[in-house]
Amino acid sequence: MSKKFLLTAFSKDRPGIVADLSQVIYENGYNLEDSSMTNLAGEFAILL
């Protein structure tokens, strides 16, 4: 049985932020199936 989770994150936008989040997900044995990223009020926002 596979486990699923939903992650929402907000941060100051910077180069490499998506790579950093993806690395943590990979290192913990999860697969990234879908994502949505945007800029909200000048901040980086991601829904995984």
N, C-alpha and C. Protein backbone atom coordinates (compact mmCIF):
# COMPACT_ATOMS: atom_id res chain seq x y z
N MET A 1 0.85 -1.18 0.00
CA MET A 1 0.00 0.00 0.00
C MET A 1 0.89 1.24 0.00
N SER A 2 0.65 2.14 -0.93
CA SER A 2 1.48 3.35 -1.00
C SER A 2 0.93 4.42 -0.07
N LYS A 3 1.85 5.22 0.44
CA LYS A 3 1.48 6.35 1.28
C LYS A 3 1.53 7.61 0.45
N LYS A 4 0.63 8.52 0.74
CA LYS A 4 0.60 9.81 0.04
C LYS A 4 0.60 10.93 1.06
N PHE A 5 1.16 12.05 0.67
CA PHE A 5 1.13 13.22 1.53
C PHE A 5 1.01 14.47 0.67
N LEU A 6 0.60 15.53 1.30
CA LEU A 6 0.46 16.83 0.66
C LEU A 6 1.34 17.81 1.41
N LEU A 7 2.15 18.56 0.68
CA LEU A 7 3.05 19.53 1.29
C LEU A 7 2.79 20.89 0.69
N THR A 8 2.59 21.87 1.52
CA THR A 8 2.47 23.26 1.09
C THR A 8 3.60 24.03 1.74
N ALA A 9 4.31 24.84 0.97
CA ALA A 9 5.42 25.60 1.52
C ALA A 9 5.41 27.02 0.95
N PHE A 10 5.80 27.96 1.79
CA PHE A 10 5.96 29.36 1.39
C PHE A 10 7.34 29.81 1.82
N SER A 11 8.01 30.58 0.97
CA SER A 11 9.37 31.01 1.29
C SER A 11 9.76 32.18 0.40
N LYS A 12 10.81 32.86 0.80
CA LYS A 12 11.41 33.85 -0.08
C LYS A 12 11.90 33.10 -1.32
N ASP A 13 11.60 33.61 -2.49
CA ASP A 13 12.01 32.94 -3.72
C ASP A 13 13.52 33.06 -3.89
N ARG A 14 14.14 31.98 -4.33
CA ARG A 14 15.58 31.98 -4.56
C ARG A 14 15.92 30.84 -5.52
N PRO A 15 17.03 30.96 -6.23
CA PRO A 15 17.45 29.87 -7.11
C PRO A 15 17.70 28.58 -6.32
N GLY A 16 17.22 27.46 -6.83
CA GLY A 16 17.47 26.16 -6.22
C GLY A 16 16.46 25.71 -5.19
N ILE A 17 15.45 26.51 -4.90
CA ILE A 17 14.50 26.13 -3.85
C ILE A 17 13.71 24.87 -4.23
N VAL A 18 13.32 24.74 -5.48
CA VAL A 18 12.58 23.54 -5.91
C VAL A 18 13.50 22.32 -5.87
N ALA A 19 14.74 22.48 -6.28
CA ALA A 19 15.70 21.38 -6.21
C ALA A 19 15.92 20.93 -4.77
N ASP A 20 16.01 21.87 -3.85
CA ASP A 20 16.19 21.53 -2.44
C ASP A 20 15.00 20.74 -1.89
N LEU A 21 13.79 21.20 -2.18
CA LEU A 21 12.60 20.48 -1.73
C LEU A 21 12.52 19.09 -2.34
N SER A 22 12.81 19.00 -3.63
CA SER A 22 12.78 17.71 -4.32
C SER A 22 13.80 16.73 -3.73
N GLN A 23 14.97 17.23 -3.38
CA GLN A 23 16.01 16.38 -2.79
C GLN A 23 15.56 15.79 -1.46
N VAL A 24 14.94 16.61 -0.61
CA VAL A 24 14.45 16.13 0.69
C VAL A 24 13.38 15.06 0.49
N ILE A 25 12.49 15.28 -0.45
CA ILE A 25 11.44 14.30 -0.74
C ILE A 25 12.06 12.98 -1.21
N TYR A 26 13.02 13.06 -2.12
CA TYR A 26 13.70 11.87 -2.64
C TYR A 26 14.46 11.13 -1.53
N GLU A 27 15.20 11.87 -0.71
CA GLU A 27 16.00 11.26 0.36
C GLU A 27 15.15 10.53 1.40
N ASN A 28 13.88 10.89 1.48
CA ASN A 28 12.98 10.23 2.43
C ASN A 28 12.14 9.14 1.78
N GLY A 29 12.47 8.79 0.54
CA GLY A 29 11.84 7.64 -0.11
C GLY A 29 10.50 7.91 -0.77
N TYR A 30 10.18 9.16 -1.01
CA TYR A 30 8.90 9.49 -1.64
C TYR A 30 9.10 9.84 -3.11
N ASN A 31 8.03 9.72 -3.89
CA ASN A 31 8.01 10.15 -5.28
C ASN A 31 7.16 11.40 -5.39
N LEU A 32 7.58 12.31 -6.21
CA LEU A 32 6.83 13.53 -6.47
C LEU A 32 5.94 13.28 -7.67
N GLU A 33 4.61 13.26 -7.46
CA GLU A 33 3.67 12.95 -8.53
C GLU A 33 3.13 14.18 -9.23
N ASP A 34 2.97 15.28 -8.50
CA ASP A 34 2.38 16.48 -9.09
C ASP A 34 2.79 17.68 -8.25
N SER A 35 2.79 18.84 -8.88
CA SER A 35 3.13 20.06 -8.13
C SER A 35 2.50 21.27 -8.80
N SER A 36 2.35 22.30 -8.01
CA SER A 36 1.88 23.59 -8.50
C SER A 36 2.69 24.66 -7.79
N MET A 37 3.27 25.57 -8.56
CA MET A 37 4.10 26.63 -7.99
C MET A 37 3.61 27.98 -8.48
N THR A 38 3.73 28.98 -7.61
CA THR A 38 3.30 30.33 -7.98
C THR A 38 4.00 31.35 -7.10
N ASN A 39 3.79 32.60 -7.42
CA ASN A 39 4.29 33.71 -6.62
C ASN A 39 3.08 34.35 -5.96
N LEU A 40 3.04 34.34 -4.63
CA LEU A 40 1.94 34.93 -3.88
C LEU A 40 2.48 36.09 -3.06
N ALA A 41 2.02 37.28 -3.35
CA ALA A 41 2.43 38.48 -2.60
C ALA A 41 3.95 38.59 -2.54
N GLY A 42 4.61 38.26 -3.63
CA GLY A 42 6.06 38.38 -3.68
C GLY A 42 6.83 37.23 -3.07
N GLU A 43 6.13 36.19 -2.64
CA GLU A 43 6.78 35.03 -2.02
C GLU A 43 6.55 33.79 -2.89
N PHE A 44 7.49 32.88 -2.85
CA PHE A 44 7.37 31.61 -3.54
C PHE A 44 6.39 30.72 -2.79
N ALA A 45 5.49 30.08 -3.51
CA ALA A 45 4.53 29.15 -2.89
C ALA A 45 4.50 27.88 -3.74
N ILE A 46 4.47 26.74 -3.06
CA ILE A 46 4.44 25.46 -3.77
C ILE A 46 3.47 24.51 -3.07
N LEU A 47 2.76 23.75 -3.87
CA LEU A 47 1.86 22.70 -3.38
C LEU A 47 2.33 21.41 -4.03
N LEU A 48 2.72 20.45 -3.21
CA LEU A 48 3.21 19.16 -3.71
C LEU A 48 2.29 18.06 -3.24
